[in-house]
């Protein structure tokens, strides 16, 4: 028997220390897929997101079987706020407003972990259309994920997972 094999632990058996004392909130434009919304919740909960801001149009998706199955009940551990217009959320948020989008002046995502702030609002756009222009104009910073393959984008929940990892690193 290989002595290098170790017993696999369950998440509740390990106490991971947060490397930064940072409040992270996530702002979602309208999300088209309940499965994506569920995956976003799983990522958010895993990385200690405090609040998820959801467009009112997605309220019904939280009742869908697909969302519940994909989120694996993580919605119970997150503060959920609904909004009608982004201005109300941006006015309420005291933190740095950061978008995940490829733009003419976006920065590489690895620099996201070097931000000096104690509160951040991560803004994610719609799966197909990205972050709307009027919202982009209101952001403090925009970051992109370098892509080396032929595909032009990543799934919105995968992008969030990468960004949250960089923020917590």
C-alpha atoms as a PDB file:
ATOM      1  CA  UNK A   1       0.000   0.000   0.000  1.00  0.00           C
ATOM      2  CA  UNK A   2       1.290   3.460  -0.929  1.00  0.00           C
ATOM      3  CA  UNK A   3       2.139   5.464   2.202  1.00  0.00           C
ATOM      4  CA  UNK A   4       1.624   8.739   0.288  1.00  0.00           C
ATOM      5  CA  UNK A   5      -2.143   8.234   0.101  1.00  0.00           C
ATOM      6  CA  UNK A   6      -3.882  10.294   2.740  1.00  0.00           C
ATOM      7  CA  UNK A   7      -7.446  10.183   3.983  1.00  0.00           C
ATOM      8  CA  UNK A   8      -9.731  12.564   2.121  1.00  0.00           C
ATOM      9  CA  UNK A   9     -11.306  15.102   4.458  1.00  0.00           C
ATOM     10  CA  UNK A  10     -14.720  16.690   4.202  1.00  0.00           C
ATOM     11  CA  UNK A  11     -15.000  20.468   4.075  1.00  0.00           C
ATOM     12  CA  UNK A  12     -16.450  20.689   7.592  1.00  0.00           C
ATOM     13  CA  UNK A  13     -13.367  18.873   8.951  1.00  0.00           C
ATOM     14  CA  UNK A  14     -10.999  21.669   7.909  1.00  0.00           C
ATOM     15  CA  UNK A  15     -10.896  25.244   9.163  1.00  0.00           C
ATOM     16  CA  UNK A  16      -9.433  27.365   6.356  1.00  0.00           C
ATOM     17  CA  UNK A  17      -8.198  30.739   7.534  1.00  0.00           C
ATOM     18  CA  UNK A  18      -9.186  33.763   5.455  1.00  0.00           C
ATOM     19  CA  UNK A  19      -5.983  35.381   4.245  1.00  0.00           C
ATOM     20  CA  UNK A  20      -7.589  38.820   4.145  1.00  0.00           C
ATOM     21  CA  UNK A  21     -10.156  40.582   6.278  1.00  0.00           C
ATOM     22  CA  UNK A  22     -12.238  41.571   3.284  1.00  0.00           C
ATOM     23  CA  UNK A  23     -15.992  41.871   2.818  1.00  0.00           C
ATOM     24  CA  UNK A  24     -16.977  40.596  -0.613  1.00  0.00           C
ATOM     25  CA  UNK A  25     -20.394  41.197  -2.130  1.00  0.00           C
ATOM     26  CA  UNK A  26     -21.469  40.016  -5.584  1.00  0.00           C
ATOM     27  CA  UNK A  27     -23.726  41.963  -7.934  1.00  0.00           C
ATOM     28  CA  UNK A  28     -25.443  40.022 -10.718  1.00  0.00           C
ATOM     29  CA  UNK A  29     -27.061  41.504 -13.760  1.00  0.00           C
ATOM     30  CA  UNK A  30     -29.952  39.421 -15.010  1.00  0.00           C
ATOM     31  CA  UNK A  31     -28.787  35.799 -15.221  1.00  0.00           C
ATOM     32  CA  UNK A  32     -30.500  33.647 -17.854  1.00  0.00           C
ATOM     33  CA  UNK A  33     -29.872  30.195 -16.381  1.00  0.00           C
ATOM     34  CA  UNK A  34     -30.996  28.891 -12.959  1.00  0.00           C
ATOM     35  CA  UNK A  35     -28.111  26.400 -13.162  1.00  0.00           C
ATOM     36  CA  UNK A  36     -25.611  29.257 -13.562  1.00  0.00           C
ATOM     37  CA  UNK A  37     -27.244  31.048 -10.656  1.00  0.00           C
ATOM     38  CA  UNK A  38     -26.870  27.908  -8.527  1.00  0.00           C
ATOM     39  CA  UNK A  39     -23.191  27.575  -9.459  1.00  0.00           C
ATOM     40  CA  UNK A  40     -22.648  31.242  -8.619  1.00  0.00           C
ATOM     41  CA  UNK A  41     -24.124  30.610  -5.167  1.00  0.00           C
ATOM     42  CA  UNK A  42     -21.831  27.613  -4.608  1.00  0.00           C
ATOM     43  CA  UNK A  43     -18.755  29.658  -5.544  1.00  0.00           C
ATOM     44  CA  UNK A  44     -19.889  32.613  -3.469  1.00  0.00           C
ATOM     45  CA  UNK A  45     -20.518  30.527  -0.374  1.00  0.00           C
ATOM     46  CA  UNK A  46     -17.215  28.645  -0.745  1.00  0.00           C
ATOM     47  CA  UNK A  47     -15.232  31.898  -0.801  1.00  0.00           C
ATOM     48  CA  UNK A  48     -17.084  33.655   2.001  1.00  0.00           C
ATOM     49  CA  UNK A  49     -19.148  36.149   0.034  1.00  0.00           C
ATOM     50  CA  UNK A  50     -21.391  38.094   2.367  1.00  0.00           C
ATOM     51  CA  UNK A  51     -24.208  39.341   0.095  1.00  0.00           C
ATOM     52  CA  UNK A  52     -25.426  38.485  -3.382  1.00  0.00           C
ATOM     53  CA  UNK A  53     -27.392  41.211  -5.147  1.00  0.00           C
ATOM     54  CA  UNK A  54     -29.864  39.680  -7.594  1.00  0.00           C
ATOM     55  CA  UNK A  55     -32.012  41.377 -10.193  1.00  0.00           C
ATOM     56  CA  UNK A  56     -35.735  41.145  -9.361  1.00  0.00           C
ATOM     57  CA  UNK A  57     -36.257  39.327 -12.656  1.00  0.00           C
ATOM     58  CA  UNK A  58     -34.320  36.358 -11.233  1.00  0.00           C
ATOM     59  CA  UNK A  59     -36.389  36.027  -8.039  1.00  0.00           C
ATOM     60  CA  UNK A  60     -38.449  33.142  -9.462  1.00  0.00           C
ATOM     61  CA  UNK A  61     -35.271  31.234 -10.376  1.00  0.00           C
ATOM     62  CA  UNK A  62     -34.492  30.707  -6.680  1.00  0.00           C
ATOM     63  CA  UNK A  63     -37.522  28.416  -6.535  1.00  0.00           C
ATOM     64  CA  UNK A  64     -36.485  26.282  -9.503  1.00  0.00           C
ATOM     65  CA  UNK A  65     -35.406  22.682  -9.023  1.00  0.00           C
ATOM     66  CA  UNK A  66     -32.368  23.287 -11.232  1.00  0.00           C
ATOM     67  CA  UNK A  67     -31.173  26.172  -9.031  1.00  0.00           C
ATOM     68  CA  UNK A  68     -31.743  24.250  -5.815  1.00  0.00           C
ATOM     69  CA  UNK A  69     -29.972  21.151  -7.110  1.00  0.00           C
ATOM     70  CA  UNK A  70     -26.971  23.100  -8.445  1.00  0.00           C
ATOM     71  CA  UNK A  71     -26.626  25.428  -5.448  1.00  0.00           C
ATOM     72  CA  UNK A  72     -26.670  22.496  -2.995  1.00  0.00           C
ATOM     73  CA  UNK A  73     -28.450  24.597  -0.365  1.00  0.00           C
ATOM     74  CA  UNK A  74     -25.685  27.221  -0.228  1.00  0.00           C
ATOM     75  CA  UNK A  75     -28.374  29.901  -0.560  1.00  0.00           C
ATOM     76  CA  UNK A  76     -29.163  29.241   3.093  1.00  0.00           C
ATOM     77  CA  UNK A  77     -25.711  30.569   4.089  1.00  0.00           C
ATOM     78  CA  UNK A  78     -25.739  33.761   2.027  1.00  0.00           C
ATOM     79  CA  UNK A  79     -27.456  37.078   2.457  1.00  0.00           C
ATOM     80  CA  UNK A  80     -29.624  37.648  -0.637  1.00  0.00           C
ATOM     81  CA  UNK A  81     -30.769  41.104  -1.667  1.00  0.00           C
ATOM     82  CA  UNK A  82     -32.940  41.919  -4.666  1.00  0.00           C
ATOM     83  CA  UNK A  83     -32.718  45.101  -6.689  1.00  0.00           C
ATOM     84  CA  UNK A  84     -34.751  46.867  -9.359  1.00  0.00           C
ATOM     85  CA  UNK A  85     -31.997  49.151 -10.699  1.00  0.00           C
ATOM     86  CA  UNK A  86     -28.247  49.005 -10.277  1.00  0.00           C
ATOM     87  CA  UNK A  87     -27.977  52.636  -9.111  1.00  0.00           C
ATOM     88  CA  UNK A  88     -29.644  51.795  -5.800  1.00  0.00           C
ATOM     89  CA  UNK A  89     -27.095  49.039  -5.119  1.00  0.00           C
ATOM     90  CA  UNK A  90     -24.110  51.112  -6.222  1.00  0.00           C
ATOM     91  CA  UNK A  91     -25.242  53.989  -4.008  1.00  0.00           C
ATOM     92  CA  UNK A  92     -25.605  51.600  -1.047  1.00  0.00           C
ATOM     93  CA  UNK A  93     -22.257  49.848  -1.601  1.00  0.00           C
ATOM     94  CA  UNK A  94     -19.337  51.501   0.178  1.00  0.00           C
ATOM     95  CA  UNK A  95     -16.701  49.248  -1.364  1.00  0.00           C
ATOM     96  CA  UNK A  96     -14.674  49.230  -4.530  1.00  0.00           C
ATOM     97  CA  UNK A  97     -16.884  48.347  -7.525  1.00  0.00           C
ATOM     98  CA  UNK A  98     -15.055  45.839  -9.707  1.00  0.00           C
ATOM     99  CA  UNK A  99     -16.318  44.289 -12.933  1.00  0.00           C
ATOM    100  CA  UNK A 100     -15.330  41.037 -14.627  1.00  0.00           C
ATOM    101  CA  UNK A 101     -15.309  41.838 -18.331  1.00  0.00           C
ATOM    102  CA  UNK A 102     -12.897  42.166 -21.224  1.00  0.00           C
ATOM    103  CA  UNK A 103     -12.700  45.835 -22.202  1.00  0.00           C
ATOM    104  CA  UNK A 104     -10.184  48.098 -23.903  1.00  0.00           C
ATOM    105  CA  UNK A 105      -8.744  49.061 -20.511  1.00  0.00           C
ATOM    106  CA  UNK A 106      -9.428  45.996 -18.330  1.00  0.00           C
ATOM    107  CA  UNK A 107      -6.567  44.616 -16.275  1.00  0.00           C
ATOM    108  CA  UNK A 108      -5.363  41.040 -15.905  1.00  0.00           C
ATOM    109  CA  UNK A 109      -7.274  39.192 -13.165  1.00  0.00           C
ATOM    110  CA  UNK A 110      -4.104  38.231 -11.284  1.00  0.00           C
ATOM    111  CA  UNK A 111      -3.816  41.906 -10.220  1.00  0.00           C
ATOM    112  CA  UNK A 112      -7.183  41.633  -8.479  1.00  0.00           C
ATOM    113  CA  UNK A 113      -5.550  39.946  -5.498  1.00  0.00           C
ATOM    114  CA  UNK A 114      -3.306  42.965  -4.966  1.00  0.00           C
ATOM    115  CA  UNK A 115      -6.168  45.416  -4.359  1.00  0.00           C
ATOM    116  CA  UNK A 116      -5.894  47.325  -1.080  1.00  0.00           C
ATOM    117  CA  UNK A 117      -9.458  47.602   0.212  1.00  0.00           C
ATOM    118  CA  UNK A 118     -11.607  46.143   2.962  1.00  0.00           C
ATOM    119  CA  UNK A 119     -14.827  45.922   0.925  1.00  0.00           C
ATOM    120  CA  UNK A 120     -15.427  44.943  -2.691  1.00  0.00           C
ATOM    121  CA  UNK A 121     -18.485  44.598  -4.904  1.00  0.00           C
ATOM    122  CA  UNK A 122     -17.775  42.102  -7.698  1.00  0.00           C
ATOM    123  CA  UNK A 123     -20.000  42.826 -10.697  1.00  0.00           C
ATOM    124  CA  UNK A 124     -20.916  40.066 -13.139  1.00  0.00           C
ATOM    125  CA  UNK A 125     -22.804  40.548 -16.366  1.00  0.00           C
ATOM    126  CA  UNK A 126     -25.333  38.495 -18.236  1.00  0.00           C
ATOM    127  CA  UNK A 127     -24.107  35.230 -19.777  1.00  0.00           C
ATOM    128  CA  UNK A 128     -24.627  36.416 -23.347  1.00  0.00           C
ATOM    129  CA  UNK A 129     -24.256  40.196 -23.284  1.00  0.00           C
ATOM    130  CA  UNK A 130     -21.800  40.750 -20.417  1.00  0.00           C
ATOM    131  CA  UNK A 131     -21.889  43.883 -18.273  1.00  0.00           C
ATOM    132  CA  UNK A 132     -24.072  46.641 -19.719  1.00  0.00           C
ATOM    133  CA  UNK A 133     -22.278  49.793 -20.891  1.00  0.00           C
ATOM    134  CA  UNK A 134     -23.998  52.080 -18.369  1.00  0.00           C
ATOM    135  CA  UNK A 135     -22.883  49.819 -15.515  1.00  0.00           C
ATOM    136  CA  UNK A 136     -19.326  49.551 -16.885  1.00  0.00           C
ATOM    137  CA  UNK A 137     -19.066  53.337 -16.751  1.00  0.00           C
ATOM    138  CA  UNK A 138     -19.860  53.301 -13.013  1.00  0.00           C
ATOM    139  CA  UNK A 139     -17.199  50.742 -12.036  1.00  0.00           C
ATOM    140  CA  UNK A 140     -13.967  51.670 -10.277  1.00  0.00           C
ATOM    141  CA  UNK A 141     -11.987  48.933 -12.001  1.00  0.00           C
ATOM    142  CA  UNK A 142     -12.506  46.180 -14.579  1.00  0.00           C
ATOM    143  CA  UNK A 143     -10.555  42.914 -14.778  1.00  0.00           C
ATOM    144  CA  UNK A 144     -10.424  40.161 -17.391  1.00  0.00           C
ATOM    145  CA  UNK A 145      -9.266  36.550 -17.411  1.00  0.00           C
ATOM    146  CA  UNK A 146      -6.531  35.812 -19.935  1.00  0.00           C
ATOM    147  CA  UNK A 147      -7.666  33.081 -22.292  1.00  0.00           C
ATOM    148  CA  UNK A 148      -5.267  30.992 -24.331  1.00  0.00           C
ATOM    149  CA  UNK A 149      -7.623  28.711 -26.233  1.00  0.00           C
ATOM    150  CA  UNK A 150      -9.911  29.463 -29.139  1.00  0.00           C
ATOM    151  CA  UNK A 151     -13.069  29.931 -27.089  1.00  0.00           C
ATOM    152  CA  UNK A 152     -14.009  33.568 -26.575  1.00  0.00           C
ATOM    153  CA  UNK A 153     -15.371  33.397 -23.028  1.00  0.00           C
ATOM    154  CA  UNK A 154     -15.850  31.428 -19.840  1.00  0.00           C
ATOM    155  CA  UNK A 155     -19.073  30.585 -18.058  1.00  0.00           C
ATOM    156  CA  UNK A 156     -20.134  33.357 -15.664  1.00  0.00           C
ATOM    157  CA  UNK A 157     -19.930  31.096 -12.606  1.00  0.00           C
ATOM    158  CA  UNK A 158     -16.456  29.859 -13.597  1.00  0.00           C
ATOM    159  CA  UNK A 159     -15.331  33.457 -14.003  1.00  0.00           C
ATOM    160  CA  UNK A 160     -16.632  34.277 -10.539  1.00  0.00           C
ATOM    161  CA  UNK A 161     -14.758  31.323  -9.048  1.00  0.00           C
ATOM    162  CA  UNK A 162     -11.492  32.500 -10.612  1.00  0.00           C
ATOM    163  CA  UNK A 163     -12.055  36.086  -9.450  1.00  0.00           C
ATOM    164  CA  UNK A 164     -12.935  35.036  -5.901  1.00  0.00           C
ATOM    165  CA  UNK A 165      -9.838  32.884  -5.735  1.00  0.00           C
ATOM    166  CA  UNK A 166      -7.691  35.824  -6.815  1.00  0.00           C
ATOM    167  CA  UNK A 167      -9.322  38.147  -4.289  1.00  0.00           C
ATOM    168  CA  UNK A 168      -8.821  35.703  -1.407  1.00  0.00           C
ATOM    169  CA  UNK A 169      -5.285  34.676  -2.426  1.00  0.00           C
END
